[in-house]
Every structure is written in structure tokens, then in C-alpha cells.
Protein backbone atom coordinates (compact mmCIF):
# COMPACT_ATOMS: atom_id res chain seq x y z
CA MET A 1 -10.54 -85.01 -1.64
CA LEU A 2 -11.99 -83.47 1.52
CA TRP A 3 -9.70 -80.47 1.33
CA ILE A 4 -10.80 -79.92 -2.31
CA LYS A 5 -14.46 -79.85 -1.24
CA ILE A 6 -13.64 -77.46 1.61
CA ALA A 7 -11.72 -75.17 -0.76
CA SER A 8 -14.63 -75.25 -3.21
CA ILE A 9 -17.14 -74.32 -0.49
CA ALA A 10 -14.86 -71.52 0.70
CA THR A 11 -14.63 -70.16 -2.84
CA ILE A 12 -18.42 -70.20 -3.22
CA ILE A 13 -18.87 -68.39 0.12
CA THR A 14 -16.24 -65.78 -0.79
CA THR A 15 -17.80 -65.18 -4.23
CA SER A 16 -21.27 -64.87 -2.70
CA THR A 17 -19.97 -62.39 -0.12
CA VAL A 18 -18.28 -60.26 -2.80
CA ILE A 19 -21.47 -60.22 -4.90
CA THR A 20 -23.56 -59.24 -1.88
CA VAL A 21 -21.19 -56.43 -0.89
CA PHE A 22 -21.08 -55.17 -4.50
CA SER A 23 -24.88 -55.22 -4.67
CA ILE A 24 -25.15 -53.21 -1.45
CA HIS A 25 -22.61 -50.66 -2.69
CA LEU A 26 -24.46 -50.37 -6.02
CA ARG A 27 -27.77 -49.70 -4.27
CA ILE A 28 -26.13 -47.03 -2.12
CA LEU A 29 -24.68 -45.40 -5.24
CA VAL A 30 -28.06 -45.39 -6.98
CA CYS A 31 -29.68 -43.81 -3.93
CA MET A 32 -26.98 -41.14 -3.84
CA LEU A 33 -27.49 -40.38 -7.53
CA ASN A 34 -31.25 -40.10 -7.03
CA ILE A 35 -30.71 -37.67 -4.15
CA ASP A 36 -28.46 -35.52 -6.34
CA MET A 37 -30.89 -35.59 -9.27
CA PRO A 38 -34.40 -34.74 -8.04
CA THR A 39 -37.40 -34.59 -10.39
CA ARG A 40 -40.17 -31.98 -10.22
CA THR A 41 -43.56 -32.11 -11.94
CA LEU A 42 -44.59 -28.74 -13.39
CA ALA A 43 -47.96 -27.68 -14.76
CA PRO A 44 -48.66 -25.10 -17.49
CA TYR A 45 -50.48 -21.88 -16.64
CA THR A 46 -51.25 -20.86 -20.24
CA VAL A 47 -52.68 -22.62 -23.29
CA THR A 48 -53.32 -21.06 -26.70
CA GLN A 49 -53.90 -22.54 -30.14
CA THR A 50 -52.60 -22.22 -33.67
CA THR A 51 -55.14 -23.30 -36.30
CA THR A 52 -54.80 -22.93 -40.06
CA GLY A 53 -56.78 -23.92 -43.13
CA SER A 54 -59.04 -26.92 -42.61
CA GLU A 55 -57.62 -27.83 -39.18
CA VAL A 56 -60.27 -28.30 -36.49
CA ALA A 57 -60.14 -25.62 -33.79
CA TRP A 58 -60.28 -26.13 -30.01
CA GLN A 59 -62.44 -24.82 -27.21
CA LEU A 60 -59.71 -23.89 -24.71
CA THR A 61 -59.77 -24.68 -21.01
CA ALA A 62 -59.59 -21.83 -18.50
CA THR A 63 -57.57 -23.98 -16.07
CA PRO A 64 -54.74 -25.64 -18.03
CA TRP A 65 -52.83 -26.50 -14.85
CA THR A 66 -55.40 -28.91 -13.40
CA VAL A 67 -55.91 -32.64 -13.96
CA ASN A 68 -59.30 -34.39 -14.10
CA ASP A 69 -61.32 -31.27 -13.31
CA HIS A 70 -63.77 -31.71 -16.24
CA ASN A 71 -62.55 -28.39 -17.67
CA ARG A 72 -60.47 -29.41 -20.68
CA CYS A 73 -59.49 -28.34 -24.17
CA GLY A 74 -62.00 -29.96 -26.53
CA LEU A 75 -62.37 -30.11 -30.30
CA ARG A 76 -65.09 -27.87 -31.74
CA ALA A 77 -65.90 -30.50 -34.40
CA PRO A 78 -65.06 -34.20 -34.74
CA LEU A 79 -62.07 -35.60 -36.56
CA LYS A 80 -63.15 -38.38 -38.90
CA ALA A 81 -62.11 -40.92 -41.45
CA VAL A 82 -64.59 -42.08 -44.10
CA HIS A 83 -64.35 -45.57 -45.58
CA ASN A 84 -64.17 -45.83 -49.38
CA LEU A 85 -63.76 -48.93 -51.50
CA ALA A 86 -59.98 -48.65 -51.67
CA ASP A 87 -58.95 -46.37 -48.83
CA LEU A 88 -59.99 -43.81 -46.24
CA SER A 89 -60.92 -40.24 -47.14
CA GLY A 90 -61.87 -37.12 -45.24
CA ARG A 91 -59.09 -37.54 -42.71
CA GLY A 92 -58.23 -34.35 -40.89
CA ASN A 93 -55.99 -32.68 -38.34
CA SER A 94 -56.66 -30.67 -35.23
CA GLY A 95 -55.17 -27.25 -34.61
CA THR A 96 -52.05 -27.16 -32.44
CA LEU A 97 -52.35 -26.52 -28.70
CA ASN A 98 -49.48 -24.42 -27.36
CA TRP A 99 -48.86 -25.12 -23.65
CA SER A 100 -46.61 -22.73 -21.70
CA GLY A 101 -46.20 -20.86 -18.42
CA TYR A 102 -44.15 -23.52 -16.62
CA ALA A 103 -42.50 -22.12 -13.49
CA ASN A 104 -38.78 -21.95 -12.89
CA ILE A 105 -37.25 -24.04 -10.09
CA SER A 106 -35.05 -22.48 -7.44
CA ALA A 107 -32.08 -24.82 -7.05
CA VAL A 108 -28.29 -24.58 -7.11
CA THR A 109 -25.45 -27.06 -7.05
CA ALA A 110 -24.21 -28.39 -3.71
CA ASP A 111 -21.48 -25.76 -3.34
CA GLY A 112 -23.95 -22.97 -4.10
CA SER A 113 -21.88 -21.61 -6.96
CA THR A 114 -24.00 -22.59 -9.98
CA VAL A 115 -27.68 -22.72 -10.91
CA ALA A 116 -28.67 -26.40 -11.18
CA PRO A 117 -28.55 -27.78 -14.76
CA VAL A 118 -31.50 -29.67 -16.22
CA THR A 119 -30.50 -33.26 -17.01
CA ALA A 120 -33.76 -34.79 -18.32
CA ILE A 121 -37.17 -33.66 -19.57
CA GLN A 122 -40.31 -35.74 -19.90
CA ILE A 123 -43.64 -34.56 -21.31
CA LYS A 124 -46.75 -36.09 -19.74
CA VAL A 125 -49.96 -35.58 -21.72
CA PHE A 126 -53.39 -36.16 -20.20
CA ALA A 127 -55.87 -36.63 -23.07
CA ASP A 128 -58.94 -38.60 -24.11
CA LYS A 129 -58.49 -39.68 -27.74
CA ARG A 130 -61.46 -42.06 -27.76
CA GLY A 131 -59.10 -44.89 -28.66
CA ARG A 132 -59.07 -43.95 -32.36
CA LEU A 133 -57.46 -40.53 -32.77
CA LEU A 134 -53.68 -40.34 -33.10
CA ASP A 135 -50.78 -38.07 -32.24
CA LYS A 136 -49.58 -35.85 -35.07
CA THR A 137 -47.20 -33.49 -33.25
CA ILE A 138 -45.77 -33.63 -29.73
CA ARG A 139 -42.82 -31.24 -29.50
CA LEU A 140 -40.92 -29.30 -26.90
CA THR A 141 -40.63 -25.56 -27.57
CA VAL A 142 -38.23 -22.85 -26.42
CA ASN A 143 -39.57 -19.31 -26.47
CA GLY A 144 -42.41 -20.53 -28.69
CA SER A 145 -40.24 -22.23 -31.32
CA ALA A 146 -40.24 -26.01 -31.70
CA VAL A 147 -36.97 -27.76 -30.85
CA GLY A 148 -35.82 -31.36 -31.04
CA ALA A 149 -37.65 -34.29 -32.57
CA ASN A 150 -41.37 -34.77 -33.05
CA LEU A 151 -42.25 -37.25 -30.28
CA ALA A 152 -45.65 -38.22 -31.68
CA SER A 153 -46.38 -41.93 -31.28
CA SER A 154 -49.07 -43.98 -33.00
CA SER A 155 -49.24 -46.22 -29.93
CA ALA A 156 -49.63 -43.45 -27.33
CA GLY A 157 -52.65 -43.92 -25.09
CA ASN A 158 -54.74 -41.28 -23.35
CA ILE A 159 -52.13 -40.63 -20.67
CA HIS A 160 -48.67 -40.92 -22.11
CA THR A 161 -45.16 -39.80 -21.16
CA TYR A 162 -42.65 -38.79 -23.83
CA THR A 163 -38.91 -38.21 -23.34
CA ALA A 164 -37.56 -35.02 -24.92
CA ALA A 165 -33.99 -33.97 -25.57
CA VAL A 166 -32.72 -31.32 -23.16
CA PRO A 167 -31.93 -28.00 -24.91
CA ALA A 168 -28.27 -27.03 -24.64
CA ASN A 169 -27.17 -25.28 -21.44
CA LEU A 170 -30.67 -25.34 -19.93
CA THR A 171 -30.80 -24.68 -16.19
CA VAL A 172 -33.72 -24.65 -13.77
CA SER A 173 -33.87 -20.85 -14.07
CA GLY A 174 -34.75 -21.23 -17.77
CA ILE A 175 -37.73 -23.56 -17.47
CA SER A 176 -40.13 -20.66 -18.04
CA THR A 177 -38.85 -20.51 -21.64
CA LEU A 178 -40.16 -24.04 -22.29
CA GLY A 179 -43.48 -25.06 -23.76
CA VAL A 180 -45.12 -27.99 -25.53
CA ASP A 181 -47.03 -28.18 -28.82
CA THR A 182 -49.65 -30.94 -29.15
CA GLN A 183 -51.60 -31.75 -32.32
CA TYR A 184 -53.76 -34.72 -33.32
CA GLN A 185 -55.07 -36.43 -36.46
CA SER A 186 -57.72 -38.86 -37.64
CA GLY A 187 -57.13 -42.54 -37.01
CA THR A 188 -56.63 -45.35 -39.48
CA GLN A 189 -60.10 -46.88 -39.09
CA PRO A 190 -63.45 -45.38 -40.16
CA HIS A 191 -64.62 -43.12 -37.33
CA GLN A 192 -65.97 -39.75 -36.28
CA ASP A 193 -64.75 -38.69 -32.86
CA MET A 194 -64.30 -35.73 -30.58
CA MET A 195 -61.38 -35.58 -28.13
CA THR A 196 -60.10 -33.56 -25.19
CA VAL A 197 -56.74 -32.65 -23.70
CA ASP A 198 -56.76 -31.96 -19.97
CA THR A 199 -53.21 -30.73 -19.33
CA VAL A 200 -49.59 -31.28 -20.33
CA GLN A 201 -47.05 -31.57 -17.52
CA LEU A 202 -43.27 -31.28 -17.66
CA LEU A 203 -41.24 -33.68 -15.51
CA ILE A 204 -37.92 -31.90 -14.94
CA THR A 205 -34.90 -33.73 -13.56
CA TYR A 206 -31.92 -31.61 -12.50
CA SER A 207 -28.56 -32.09 -10.85
CA THR A 208 -27.39 -30.53 -7.60
CA ASP A 209 -24.12 -32.43 -7.62
């Protein structure tokens, strides 16, 4: 029976060693992948607006690239929802803010032969929605035209990061063609609120492998 116990202990030790070695190798691989796929945070240098019909217009910031500088895009009138006996009325939408002017990144693949491809795009919005206003449109644009899905989320807070699909064949030399459209709407509870949007950053991940 002793030799059975010894064999069992040896098996446990061997299994533990294999798991430890595998874990170390996995961590090394993850680190290598992270090195080959850096992420850069880019700020917009231009913001304009598109407002039609009854949409509420914005007072635009002169410094769209800064965060928490107290110079933000703000609604010119409040968005509201009025309580009636059966439902809410008077709900409205803001105009659409068009963020652009993101700078290209200078990066090539490891052998120097190819401009680095973009592998992931995240959109980080810095806003103050007073806890009651909601997303209506959050969309990536290419050369001013919306692409991909509307990323608007009813649960998005003031500072929220959205994951966008990467346009086909996009490289770091084409980032300047990207932009973001942001639009907001009245909430689902009776309210009358102003809101601001400070800036909208792009988090660009690219491969140098």
C-alpha cells in the first residue's frame, strides 16, 4: 500500500508542476501579445453639430480635445419628459454632435514592410447626463458617414466605453478618416434636464506582429 501512496503523491506533484509550467507559459504568451498589440488613446480636434426640426441644439466647446476643463458642449435648452395620466409626453432629442480630427498613428509591422492594421476600436464618451438623459445614437463614422451598429445603451453612465466594429482594411494611417456621432434623448421618468459632453476619445489597438 505504501508504494501506491508514493505513486499517488508523485502523480499529484507532476500534475501540479505541469499546471504551473503551463500557467507561466500562458502568462508569457499574453505579455507577448500585449507587446505586439499596443493601444493608443486619441482625442478629437474638431466638433460640429447636425440639428434638424425640433431637436435641441448645442453650444459647442472650443477645446474638444480636453477632459474636465469646464469647457464642454452643452444643450441650449433642456430635454424633458412630462408626466400625463397614462404616459409621458413632450419627450425630445438633442442634435447630433459630430466628433472628428483624430490623428493618425505612425506604426508599421515588425519587419517594416506594412503599415500596422487596426485590430480594435473603443469609443470613450465623457458626458454629464444628470442621471436621467439617455443615449440615442453612438456611432463610428468614416469620412463623415455612419458605419456599423448604433452602440447607444440605456444603461450607459456619464463616462462610458463602447466597443465598435473595425472598418474593413483599416490601418493606423487611416485613423484620420474616423469620427463619432453622439446624440441623446429624454429619459423615461418625468424630468427637465440640461446635459454636457466634454470629449469623445478613440482607443485604438493595432498590431505590429
